[in-house]
Amino acid sequence: MQSSANLRGIVYMCLAMAAFSCNDALIKSVTGAMNTGQIMFVRGMLTTLMALAVAYRFGALRPIQTILRPAILLRIAMEALASLTYISALGLIPLANAAAIMQALPLAVTLGAALFLGQPVGWRRWMAIVVGFVGVLVLLRPGPEGFTPAALIVVACVFVTATRDLCTRRIGTEVPSLFITLTTSFVTTLVGAALIVPLGGWEPVSPASFSHIAVASVLLMLGYQTIVLAMREGEISVIAPFRYTGLLWSITIGIFFFAEMPDRWMLAGVAIIIGSGLYTFYRESLRGRQAVAQRAVAGPLE
């Protein structure tokens, strides 16, 4: 039953967003104790071990030559760059601000799909994309004082992550998602290891910091898998808008654990970004229903 599939997809999406938001908060909590490279290395090592165990259990391992495909190589590189930029920014700006800027990701993916994959985008969705990025500018604040390096790093992370998602669409279904997660996590670990010395060297890892990163690794794996389950259940146009629940988690965590109160500029920018994103989802849903109706009218081919 479609409604049951949609409900399961919504639950999976909400779980994924909660897991990702709590992961971000735990990583932010250790940014003062170690540099970004060290965080990437420790978290990546733990995530890689978990991904290896799960991939082995479900028969998702593939020959190492599989990652030499251009789409997979580019996706791995973009994931490592996304981790580097986002973790760096988390230590410098409020959690909710970083999460709010990342809400422009669906708009960036739509933009990239139109420019590089040739997917048709009507003028209404082009306007929604423009309005969404205006929301990002509002969130960054008008004037030079708003364009902090950390905020701009998150903006860069949006486009890097969008490139990652577009690469994912180019990877054949014969390559298991667990294998992609495993190889991506492993390469990210290596990148983190290479950056430890340039970013300040290794710092002793306290039991508290290690426990935070360990729990963050579990949440990251949970988020990866539940978001895949969400996308495979029901209608994407129904499920995808619940991605924005992650922002509610980030705002709440920021208020209660980091004493970060959202101001009017952030709230206004968030409202614009979410509004344009929801409109984009609506137009995508409408276009999908029209395509189905046209195929039904045409009837089966003789």
C-alpha atoms as a PDB file:
ATOM      1  CA  MET A   1       0.000   0.000   0.000  1.00  0.00           C
ATOM      2  CA  GLN A   2       1.490   3.340  -1.109  1.00  0.00           C
ATOM      3  CA  SER A   3       0.526   5.243   2.054  1.00  0.00           C
ATOM      4  CA  SER A   4       2.329   2.658   4.221  1.00  0.00           C
ATOM      5  CA  ALA A   5       5.439   2.907   2.037  1.00  0.00           C
ATOM      6  CA  ASN A   6       5.338   6.701   2.304  1.00  0.00           C
ATOM      7  CA  LEU A   7       4.994   6.495   6.084  1.00  0.00           C
ATOM      8  CA  ARG A   8       7.997   4.160   6.342  1.00  0.00           C
ATOM      9  CA  GLY A   9       9.991   6.471   4.090  1.00  0.00           C
ATOM     10  CA  ILE A  10       9.103   9.488   6.236  1.00  0.00           C
ATOM     11  CA  VAL A  11      10.171   7.650   9.406  1.00  0.00           C
ATOM     12  CA  TYR A  12      13.478   6.617   7.802  1.00  0.00           C
ATOM     13  CA  MET A  13      14.131  10.166   6.584  1.00  0.00           C
ATOM     14  CA  CYS A  14      13.439  11.653  10.022  1.00  0.00           C
ATOM     15  CA  LEU A  15      15.736   9.073  11.629  1.00  0.00           C
ATOM     16  CA  ALA A  16      18.472   9.873   9.104  1.00  0.00           C
ATOM     17  CA  MET A  17      18.243  13.601   9.760  1.00  0.00           C
ATOM     18  CA  ALA A  18      18.290  13.081  13.528  1.00  0.00           C
ATOM     19  CA  ALA A  19      21.368  10.849  13.195  1.00  0.00           C
ATOM     20  CA  PHE A  20      23.226  13.315  10.956  1.00  0.00           C
ATOM     21  CA  SER A  21      22.384  16.275  13.217  1.00  0.00           C
ATOM     22  CA  CYS A  22      23.539  14.505  16.371  1.00  0.00           C
ATOM     23  CA  ASN A  23      26.685  13.393  14.539  1.00  0.00           C
ATOM     24  CA  ASP A  24      27.403  17.025  13.623  1.00  0.00           C
ATOM     25  CA  ALA A  25      26.887  18.136  17.227  1.00  0.00           C
ATOM     26  CA  LEU A  26      29.263  15.486  18.593  1.00  0.00           C
ATOM     27  CA  ILE A  27      31.916  16.395  16.016  1.00  0.00           C
ATOM     28  CA  LYS A  28      31.508  20.093  16.831  1.00  0.00           C
ATOM     29  CA  SER A  29      32.061  19.275  20.506  1.00  0.00           C
ATOM     30  CA  VAL A  30      35.589  17.973  19.808  1.00  0.00           C
ATOM     31  CA  THR A  31      36.748  20.618  17.320  1.00  0.00           C
ATOM     32  CA  GLY A  32      38.474  22.512  20.125  1.00  0.00           C
ATOM     33  CA  ALA A  33      40.468  19.439  21.198  1.00  0.00           C
ATOM     34  CA  MET A  34      41.874  18.290  17.854  1.00  0.00           C
ATOM     35  CA  ASN A  35      42.279  19.534  14.311  1.00  0.00           C
ATOM     36  CA  THR A  36      40.053  18.670  11.361  1.00  0.00           C
ATOM     37  CA  GLY A  37      42.491  16.137   9.923  1.00  0.00           C
ATOM     38  CA  GLN A  38      42.663  14.216  13.182  1.00  0.00           C
ATOM     39  CA  ILE A  39      38.871  14.209  13.522  1.00  0.00           C
ATOM     40  CA  MET A  40      38.511  12.929   9.948  1.00  0.00           C
ATOM     41  CA  PHE A  41      41.081  10.216  10.637  1.00  0.00           C
ATOM     42  CA  VAL A  42      39.661   8.945  13.938  1.00  0.00           C
ATOM     43  CA  ARG A  43      36.021   9.077  12.820  1.00  0.00           C
ATOM     44  CA  GLY A  44      36.893   7.652   9.410  1.00  0.00           C
ATOM     45  CA  MET A  45      38.831   4.757  10.905  1.00  0.00           C
ATOM     46  CA  LEU A  46      35.919   3.767  13.137  1.00  0.00           C
ATOM     47  CA  THR A  47      33.364   4.200  10.337  1.00  0.00           C
ATOM     48  CA  THR A  48      35.518   2.178   7.928  1.00  0.00           C
ATOM     49  CA  LEU A  49      35.747  -0.730  10.365  1.00  0.00           C
ATOM     50  CA  MET A  50      31.974  -0.746  10.848  1.00  0.00           C
ATOM     51  CA  ALA A  51      31.302  -0.419   7.118  1.00  0.00           C
ATOM     52  CA  LEU A  52      33.744  -3.270   6.385  1.00  0.00           C
ATOM     53  CA  ALA A  53      32.012  -5.566   8.864  1.00  0.00           C
ATOM     54  CA  VAL A  54      28.540  -4.757   7.540  1.00  0.00           C
ATOM     55  CA  ALA A  55      29.602  -4.981   3.872  1.00  0.00           C
ATOM     56  CA  TYR A  56      31.231  -8.374   4.511  1.00  0.00           C
ATOM     57  CA  ARG A  57      28.139  -9.603   6.347  1.00  0.00           C
ATOM     58  CA  PHE A  58      25.818  -8.681   3.451  1.00  0.00           C
ATOM     59  CA  GLY A  59      28.154  -9.711   0.630  1.00  0.00           C
ATOM     60  CA  ALA A  60      28.647  -6.140  -0.599  1.00  0.00           C
ATOM     61  CA  LEU A  61      32.416  -6.306  -1.087  1.00  0.00           C
ATOM     62  CA  ARG A  62      33.664  -5.855  -4.654  1.00  0.00           C
ATOM     63  CA  PRO A  63      37.122  -5.942  -6.356  1.00  0.00           C
ATOM     64  CA  ILE A  64      39.197  -2.868  -5.562  1.00  0.00           C
ATOM     65  CA  GLN A  65      39.339  -2.069  -9.296  1.00  0.00           C
ATOM     66  CA  THR A  66      35.668  -1.126  -9.056  1.00  0.00           C
ATOM     67  CA  ILE A  67      36.551   2.259  -7.561  1.00  0.00           C
ATOM     68  CA  LEU A  68      38.558   3.175 -10.664  1.00  0.00           C
ATOM     69  CA  ARG A  69      35.363   4.142 -12.480  1.00  0.00           C
ATOM     70  CA  PRO A  70      35.374   7.934 -13.026  1.00  0.00           C
ATOM     71  CA  ALA A  71      32.014   8.515 -11.293  1.00  0.00           C
ATOM     72  CA  ILE A  72      33.114   6.587  -8.194  1.00  0.00           C
ATOM     73  CA  LEU A  73      36.524   8.270  -8.043  1.00  0.00           C
ATOM     74  CA  LEU A  74      34.973  11.732  -8.320  1.00  0.00           C
ATOM     75  CA  ARG A  75      32.329  10.880  -5.726  1.00  0.00           C
ATOM     76  CA  ILE A  76      34.972   9.696  -3.262  1.00  0.00           C
ATOM     77  CA  ALA A  77      37.012  12.867  -3.800  1.00  0.00           C
ATOM     78  CA  MET A  78      33.946  15.073  -3.291  1.00  0.00           C
ATOM     79  CA  GLU A  79      32.940  13.220  -0.113  1.00  0.00           C
ATOM     80  CA  ALA A  80      36.414  13.715   1.362  1.00  0.00           C
ATOM     81  CA  LEU A  81      36.339  17.402   0.437  1.00  0.00           C
ATOM     82  CA  ALA A  82      32.837  17.769   1.887  1.00  0.00           C
ATOM     83  CA  SER A  83      33.999  16.274   5.202  1.00  0.00           C
ATOM     84  CA  LEU A  84      37.020  18.583   5.275  1.00  0.00           C
ATOM     85  CA  THR A  85      35.021  21.746   4.600  1.00  0.00           C
ATOM     86  CA  TYR A  86      32.079  20.983   6.870  1.00  0.00           C
ATOM     87  CA  ILE A  87      34.082  19.823   9.888  1.00  0.00           C
ATOM     88  CA  SER A  88      36.330  22.888   9.528  1.00  0.00           C
ATOM     89  CA  ALA A  89      33.295  25.170   9.529  1.00  0.00           C
ATOM     90  CA  LEU A  90      31.614  23.461  12.492  1.00  0.00           C
ATOM     91  CA  GLY A  91      34.371  24.633  14.788  1.00  0.00           C
ATOM     92  CA  LEU A  92      33.904  28.260  13.719  1.00  0.00           C
ATOM     93  CA  ILE A  93      30.186  28.991  13.354  1.00  0.00           C
ATOM     94  CA  PRO A  94      26.988  27.954  15.186  1.00  0.00           C
ATOM     95  CA  LEU A  95      25.695  24.474  14.407  1.00  0.00           C
ATOM     96  CA  ALA A  96      22.288  25.769  13.279  1.00  0.00           C
ATOM     97  CA  ASN A  97      23.863  28.264  10.854  1.00  0.00           C
ATOM     98  CA  ALA A  98      25.940  25.555   9.191  1.00  0.00           C
ATOM     99  CA  ALA A  99      22.935  23.233   8.997  1.00  0.00           C
ATOM    100  CA  ALA A 100      20.747  26.031   7.608  1.00  0.00           C
ATOM    101  CA  ILE A 101      23.162  26.799   4.765  1.00  0.00           C
ATOM    102  CA  MET A 102      23.300  23.078   3.937  1.00  0.00           C
ATOM    103  CA  GLN A 103      19.517  23.137   3.395  1.00  0.00           C
ATOM    104  CA  ALA A 104      20.277  24.696   0.004  1.00  0.00           C
ATOM    105  CA  LEU A 105      21.686  21.327  -1.085  1.00  0.00           C
ATOM    106  CA  PRO A 106      18.515  20.100  -2.907  1.00  0.00           C
ATOM    107  CA  LEU A 107      18.465  23.362  -4.878  1.00  0.00           C
ATOM    108  CA  ALA A 108      22.146  22.952  -5.785  1.00  0.00           C
ATOM    109  CA  VAL A 109      21.486  19.372  -6.922  1.00  0.00           C
ATOM    110  CA  THR A 110      18.599  20.548  -9.111  1.00  0.00           C
ATOM    111  CA  LEU A 111      20.842  23.253 -10.567  1.00  0.00           C
ATOM    112  CA  GLY A 112      23.628  20.769 -11.267  1.00  0.00           C
ATOM    113  CA  ALA A 113      21.239  18.247 -12.816  1.00  0.00           C
ATOM    114  CA  ALA A 114      19.991  20.920 -15.208  1.00  0.00           C
ATOM    115  CA  LEU A 115      23.455  22.217 -16.156  1.00  0.00           C
ATOM    116  CA  PHE A 116      25.426  18.975 -16.346  1.00  0.00           C
ATOM    117  CA  LEU A 117      22.939  16.115 -16.746  1.00  0.00           C
ATOM    118  CA  GLY A 118      20.578  17.844 -19.160  1.00  0.00           C
ATOM    119  CA  GLN A 119      17.511  17.357 -16.970  1.00  0.00           C
ATOM    120  CA  PRO A 120      14.661  19.723 -17.921  1.00  0.00           C
ATOM    121  CA  VAL A 121      13.978  22.509 -15.426  1.00  0.00           C
ATOM    122  CA  GLY A 122      11.114  24.923 -16.079  1.00  0.00           C
ATOM    123  CA  TRP A 123      11.198  28.629 -15.366  1.00  0.00           C
ATOM    124  CA  ARG A 124       9.298  28.177 -12.085  1.00  0.00           C
ATOM    125  CA  ARG A 125      11.945  25.878 -10.659  1.00  0.00           C
ATOM    126  CA  TRP A 126      14.695  28.180 -11.960  1.00  0.00           C
ATOM    127  CA  MET A 127      13.035  30.977  -9.980  1.00  0.00           C
ATOM    128  CA  ALA A 128      12.826  28.736  -6.905  1.00  0.00           C
ATOM    129  CA  ILE A 129      16.572  28.021  -7.196  1.00  0.00           C
ATOM    130  CA  VAL A 130      17.358  31.744  -7.439  1.00  0.00           C
ATOM    131  CA  VAL A 131      15.108  32.555  -4.465  1.00  0.00           C
ATOM    132  CA  GLY A 132      16.698  29.745  -2.449  1.00  0.00           C
ATOM    133  CA  PHE A 133      20.191  31.132  -2.970  1.00  0.00           C
ATOM    134  CA  VAL A 134      18.893  34.590  -2.038  1.00  0.00           C
ATOM    135  CA  GLY A 135      17.869  32.923   1.234  1.00  0.00           C
ATOM    136  CA  VAL A 136      21.461  31.772   1.676  1.00  0.00           C
ATOM    137  CA  LEU A 137      22.657  35.361   1.204  1.00  0.00           C
ATOM    138  CA  VAL A 138      20.143  36.580   3.798  1.00  0.00           C
ATOM    139  CA  LEU A 139      21.400  33.934   6.214  1.00  0.00           C
ATOM    140  CA  LEU A 140      24.994  35.027   5.596  1.00  0.00           C
ATOM    141  CA  ARG A 141      23.941  38.632   6.371  1.00  0.00           C
ATOM    142  CA  PRO A 142      24.008  41.537   3.937  1.00  0.00           C
ATOM    143  CA  GLY A 143      27.277  43.443   4.206  1.00  0.00           C
ATOM    144  CA  PRO A 144      30.950  42.432   4.473  1.00  0.00           C
ATOM    145  CA  GLU A 145      30.682  41.468   8.149  1.00  0.00           C
ATOM    146  CA  GLY A 146      28.375  38.578   7.285  1.00  0.00           C
ATOM    147  CA  PHE A 147      30.634  36.886   4.769  1.00  0.00           C
ATOM    148  CA  THR A 148      32.899  35.121   7.240  1.00  0.00           C
ATOM    149  CA  PRO A 149      35.340  32.556   5.879  1.00  0.00           C
ATOM    150  CA  ALA A 150      33.598  29.774   7.830  1.00  0.00           C
ATOM    151  CA  ALA A 151      30.175  30.580   6.357  1.00  0.00           C
ATOM    152  CA  LEU A 152      31.630  30.681   2.867  1.00  0.00           C
ATOM    153  CA  ILE A 153      33.296  27.309   3.525  1.00  0.00           C
ATOM    154  CA  VAL A 154      29.827  25.852   4.187  1.00  0.00           C
ATOM    155  CA  VAL A 155      28.561  27.395   0.934  1.00  0.00           C
ATOM    156  CA  ALA A 156      31.457  25.668  -0.845  1.00  0.00           C
ATOM    157  CA  CYS A 157      30.487  22.448   0.958  1.00  0.00           C
ATOM    158  CA  VAL A 158      26.964  22.726  -0.507  1.00  0.00           C
ATOM    159  CA  PHE A 159      28.297  22.680  -4.062  1.00  0.00           C
ATOM    160  CA  VAL A 160      30.856  19.967  -3.308  1.00  0.00           C
ATOM    161  CA  THR A 161      28.142  17.788  -1.776  1.00  0.00           C
ATOM    162  CA  ALA A 162      25.822  18.467  -4.717  1.00  0.00           C
ATOM    163  CA  THR A 163      28.582  17.260  -7.053  1.00  0.00           C
ATOM    164  CA  ARG A 164      28.896  14.125  -4.914  1.00  0.00           C
ATOM    165  CA  ASP A 165      25.162  13.440  -5.203  1.00  0.00           C
ATOM    166  CA  LEU A 166      25.197  13.977  -8.969  1.00  0.00           C
ATOM    167  CA  CYS A 167      28.098  11.529  -9.265  1.00  0.00           C
ATOM    168  CA  THR A 168      26.091   9.013  -7.247  1.00  0.00           C
ATOM    169  CA  ARG A 169      23.375   9.102  -9.909  1.00  0.00           C
ATOM    170  CA  ARG A 170      26.006   8.071 -12.479  1.00  0.00           C
ATOM    171  CA  ILE A 171      27.017   4.937 -10.554  1.00  0.00           C
ATOM    172  CA  GLY A 172      25.321   1.746 -11.729  1.00  0.00           C
ATOM    173  CA  THR A 173      23.040  -0.173  -9.386  1.00  0.00           C
ATOM    174  CA  GLU A 174      25.375  -3.187  -9.645  1.00  0.00           C
ATOM    175  CA  VAL A 175      27.715  -1.369  -7.230  1.00  0.00           C
ATOM    176  CA  PRO A 176      26.271  -1.791  -3.695  1.00  0.00           C
ATOM    177  CA  SER A 177      25.790   1.362  -1.644  1.00  0.00           C
ATOM    178  CA  LEU A 178      27.636  -0.315   1.254  1.00  0.00           C
ATOM    179  CA  PHE A 179      30.715  -0.760  -0.953  1.00  0.00           C
ATOM    180  CA  ILE A 180      30.582   2.927  -1.905  1.00  0.00           C
ATOM    181  CA  THR A 181      30.259   3.880   1.769  1.00  0.00           C
ATOM    182  CA  LEU A 182      33.200   1.646   2.676  1.00  0.00           C
ATOM    183  CA  THR A 183      35.587   2.944   0.004  1.00  0.00           C
ATOM    184  CA  THR A 184      34.553   6.550   0.597  1.00  0.00           C
ATOM    185  CA  SER A 185      35.114   6.236   4.338  1.00  0.00           C
ATOM    186  CA  PHE A 186      38.506   4.578   3.801  1.00  0.00           C
ATOM    187  CA  VAL A 187      39.760   7.301   1.452  1.00  0.00           C
ATOM    188  CA  THR A 188      38.442  10.018   3.777  1.00  0.00           C
ATOM    189  CA  THR A 189      40.421   8.387   6.582  1.00  0.00           C
ATOM    190  CA  LEU A 190      43.592   8.533   4.465  1.00  0.00           C
ATOM    191  CA  VAL A 191      42.968  12.182   3.594  1.00  0.00           C
ATOM    192  CA  GLY A 192      42.488  12.979   7.275  1.00  0.00           C
ATOM    193  CA  ALA A 193      45.735  11.200   8.161  1.00  0.00           C
ATOM    194  CA  ALA A 194      47.606  13.223   5.528  1.00  0.00           C
ATOM    195  CA  LEU A 195      46.236  16.490   6.949  1.00  0.00           C
ATOM    196  CA  ILE A 196      47.037  15.897  10.621  1.00  0.00           C
ATOM    197  CA  VAL A 197      50.561  17.345  10.531  1.00  0.00           C
ATOM    198  CA  PRO A 198      49.835  20.285   8.155  1.00  0.00           C
ATOM    199  CA  LEU A 199      46.891  21.316  10.354  1.00  0.00           C
ATOM    200  CA  GLY A 200      48.838  21.351  13.610  1.00  0.00           C
ATOM    201  CA  GLY A 201      49.869  17.805  14.488  1.00  0.00           C
ATOM    202  CA  TRP A 202      48.431  14.995  16.576  1.00  0.00           C
ATOM    203  CA  GLU A 203      46.826  15.876  19.895  1.00  0.00           C
ATOM    204  CA  PRO A 204      46.189  13.351  22.689  1.00  0.00           C
ATOM    205  CA  VAL A 205      42.667  11.965  22.434  1.00  0.00           C
ATOM    206  CA  SER A 206      40.860  12.053  25.761  1.00  0.00           C
ATOM    207  CA  PRO A 207      38.347   9.302  26.652  1.00  0.00           C
ATOM    208  CA  ALA A 208      35.544  11.864  26.368  1.00  0.00           C
ATOM    209  CA  SER A 209      36.617  13.003  22.903  1.00  0.00           C
ATOM    210  CA  PHE A 210      37.045   9.426  21.698  1.00  0.00           C
ATOM    211  CA  SER A 211      33.611   8.453  22.998  1.00  0.00           C
ATOM    212  CA  HIS A 212      32.052  11.442  21.196  1.00  0.00           C
ATOM    213  CA  ILE A 213      33.716  10.478  17.914  1.00  0.00           C
ATOM    214  CA  ALA A 214      32.823   6.793  18.386  1.00  0.00           C
ATOM    215  CA  VAL A 215      29.144   7.602  18.874  1.00  0.00           C
ATOM    216  CA  ALA A 216      29.328  10.034  15.934  1.00  0.00           C
ATOM    217  CA  SER A 217      30.674   7.208  13.759  1.00  0.00           C
ATOM    218  CA  VAL A 218      27.757   4.953  14.678  1.00  0.00           C
ATOM    219  CA  LEU A 219      25.305   7.772  13.958  1.00  0.00           C
ATOM    220  CA  LEU A 220      26.989   8.465  10.627  1.00  0.00           C
ATOM    221  CA  MET A 221      26.567   4.830   9.567  1.00  0.00           C
ATOM    222  CA  LEU A 222      22.957   4.886  10.769  1.00  0.00           C
ATOM    223  CA  GLY A 223      22.314   8.062   8.803  1.00  0.00           C
ATOM    224  CA  TYR A 224      23.864   6.659   5.617  1.00  0.00           C
ATOM    225  CA  GLN A 225      21.744   3.524   5.713  1.00  0.00           C
ATOM    226  CA  THR A 226      18.424   5.059   6.777  1.00  0.00           C
ATOM    227  CA  ILE A 227      18.580   7.728   4.090  1.00  0.00           C
ATOM    228  CA  VAL A 228      19.082   5.000   1.463  1.00  0.00           C
ATOM    229  CA  LEU A 229      16.076   3.145   2.898  1.00  0.00           C
ATOM    230  CA  ALA A 230      14.077   6.387   2.844  1.00  0.00           C
ATOM    231  CA  MET A 231      14.804   6.978  -0.844  1.00  0.00           C
ATOM    232  CA  ARG A 232      13.729   3.434  -1.698  1.00  0.00           C
ATOM    233  CA  GLU A 233      10.371   3.688   0.046  1.00  0.00           C
ATOM    234  CA  GLY A 234       7.312   5.434  -1.335  1.00  0.00           C
ATOM    235  CA  GLU A 235       7.317   8.658  -3.333  1.00  0.00           C
ATOM    236  CA  ILE A 236      10.415  10.840  -3.170  1.00  0.00           C
ATOM    237  CA  SER A 237       8.313  14.012  -3.520  1.00  0.00           C
ATOM    238  CA  VAL A 238       6.470  13.036  -0.313  1.00  0.00           C
ATOM    239  CA  ILE A 239       9.507  11.894   1.645  1.00  0.00           C
ATOM    240  CA  ALA A 240      12.204  14.388   0.591  1.00  0.00           C
ATOM    241  CA  PRO A 241      10.698  17.472   2.332  1.00  0.00           C
ATOM    242  CA  PHE A 242      11.221  15.738   5.687  1.00  0.00           C
ATOM    243  CA  ARG A 243      14.935  16.318   5.104  1.00  0.00           C
ATOM    244  CA  TYR A 244      14.281  19.726   6.666  1.00  0.00           C
ATOM    245  CA  THR A 245      13.587  18.114  10.076  1.00  0.00           C
ATOM    246  CA  GLY A 246      17.371  17.998  10.421  1.00  0.00           C
ATOM    247  CA  LEU A 247      17.382  21.758  10.782  1.00  0.00           C
ATOM    248  CA  LEU A 248      14.948  21.556  13.717  1.00  0.00           C
ATOM    249  CA  TRP A 249      17.325  19.124  15.399  1.00  0.00           C
ATOM    250  CA  SER A 250      20.316  21.383  14.772  1.00  0.00           C
ATOM    251  CA  ILE A 251      18.563  24.488  16.116  1.00  0.00           C
ATOM    252  CA  THR A 252      17.372  22.629  19.226  1.00  0.00           C
ATOM    253  CA  ILE A 253      20.799  21.091  19.908  1.00  0.00           C
ATOM    254  CA  GLY A 254      22.462  24.464  19.322  1.00  0.00           C
ATOM    255  CA  ILE A 255      20.198  26.168  21.849  1.00  0.00           C
ATOM    256  CA  PHE A 256      20.425  23.577  24.634  1.00  0.00           C
ATOM    257  CA  PHE A 257      24.001  22.303  24.272  1.00  0.00           C
ATOM    258  CA  PHE A 258      25.962  25.168  22.715  1.00  0.00           C
ATOM    259  CA  ALA A 259      23.911  28.181  23.899  1.00  0.00           C
ATOM    260  CA  GLU A 260      23.516  29.307  20.259  1.00  0.00           C
ATOM    261  CA  MET A 261      20.358  31.366  19.848  1.00  0.00           C
ATOM    262  CA  PRO A 262      19.124  31.864  16.234  1.00  0.00           C
ATOM    263  CA  ASP A 263      18.677  35.514  15.254  1.00  0.00           C
ATOM    264  CA  ARG A 264      16.175  37.098  12.861  1.00  0.00           C
ATOM    265  CA  TRP A 265      18.535  36.950   9.876  1.00  0.00           C
ATOM    266  CA  MET A 266      19.009  33.221  10.278  1.00  0.00           C
ATOM    267  CA  LEU A 267      15.297  32.569  10.711  1.00  0.00           C
ATOM    268  CA  ALA A 268      14.443  34.691   7.667  1.00  0.00           C
ATOM    269  CA  GLY A 269      17.055  32.957   5.529  1.00  0.00           C
ATOM    270  CA  VAL A 270      15.888  29.527   6.676  1.00  0.00           C
ATOM    271  CA  ALA A 271      12.269  30.375   5.835  1.00  0.00           C
ATOM    272  CA  ILE A 272      13.244  31.459   2.312  1.00  0.00           C
ATOM    273  CA  ILE A 273      15.448  28.398   1.680  1.00  0.00           C
ATOM    274  CA  ILE A 274      12.881  25.909   2.969  1.00  0.00           C
ATOM    275  CA  GLY A 275      10.034  27.629   1.128  1.00  0.00           C
ATOM    276  CA  SER A 276      11.880  27.514  -2.193  1.00  0.00           C
ATOM    277  CA  GLY A 277      12.935  23.917  -1.557  1.00  0.00           C
ATOM    278  CA  LEU A 278       9.386  22.799  -0.811  1.00  0.00           C
ATOM    279  CA  TYR A 279       8.172  24.536  -3.972  1.00  0.00           C
ATOM    280  CA  THR A 280      10.852  22.717  -5.968  1.00  0.00           C
ATOM    281  CA  PHE A 281       9.691  19.384  -4.520  1.00  0.00           C
ATOM    282  CA  TYR A 282       6.105  20.301  -5.390  1.00  0.00           C
ATOM    283  CA  ARG A 283       6.980  21.113  -9.007  1.00  0.00           C
ATOM    284  CA  GLU A 284       8.971  17.884  -9.290  1.00  0.00           C
ATOM    285  CA  SER A 285       5.988  15.918  -7.976  1.00  0.00           C
ATOM    286  CA  LEU A 286       3.623  17.685 -10.377  1.00  0.00           C
ATOM    287  CA  ARG A 287       5.925  17.013 -13.334  1.00  0.00           C
ATOM    288  CA  GLY A 288       6.124  13.337 -12.360  1.00  0.00           C
ATOM    289  CA  ARG A 289       2.330  12.991 -12.191  1.00  0.00           C
ATOM    290  CA  GLN A 290       1.967  14.674 -15.584  1.00  0.00           C
ATOM    291  CA  ALA A 291       4.473  12.262 -17.120  1.00  0.00           C
ATOM    292  CA  VAL A 292       2.574   9.279 -15.698  1.00  0.00           C
ATOM    293  CA  ALA A 293      -0.717  10.656 -17.039  1.00  0.00           C
ATOM    294  CA  GLN A 294       0.769  11.158 -20.509  1.00  0.00           C
ATOM    295  CA  ARG A 295       2.060   7.596 -20.600  1.00  0.00           C
ATOM    296  CA  ALA A 296      -1.360   6.312 -19.498  1.00  0.00           C
ATOM    297  CA  VAL A 297      -3.095   8.261 -22.283  1.00  0.00           C
ATOM    298  CA  ALA A 298      -0.615   7.017 -24.885  1.00  0.00           C
ATOM    299  CA  GLY A 299      -1.338   3.431 -23.866  1.00  0.00           C
ATOM    300  CA  PRO A 300       0.908   0.398 -24.306  1.00  0.00           C
ATOM    301  CA  LEU A 301       2.979   0.049 -27.456  1.00  0.00           C
ATOM    302  CA  GLU A 302       1.723  -2.573 -29.917  1.00  0.00           C
END
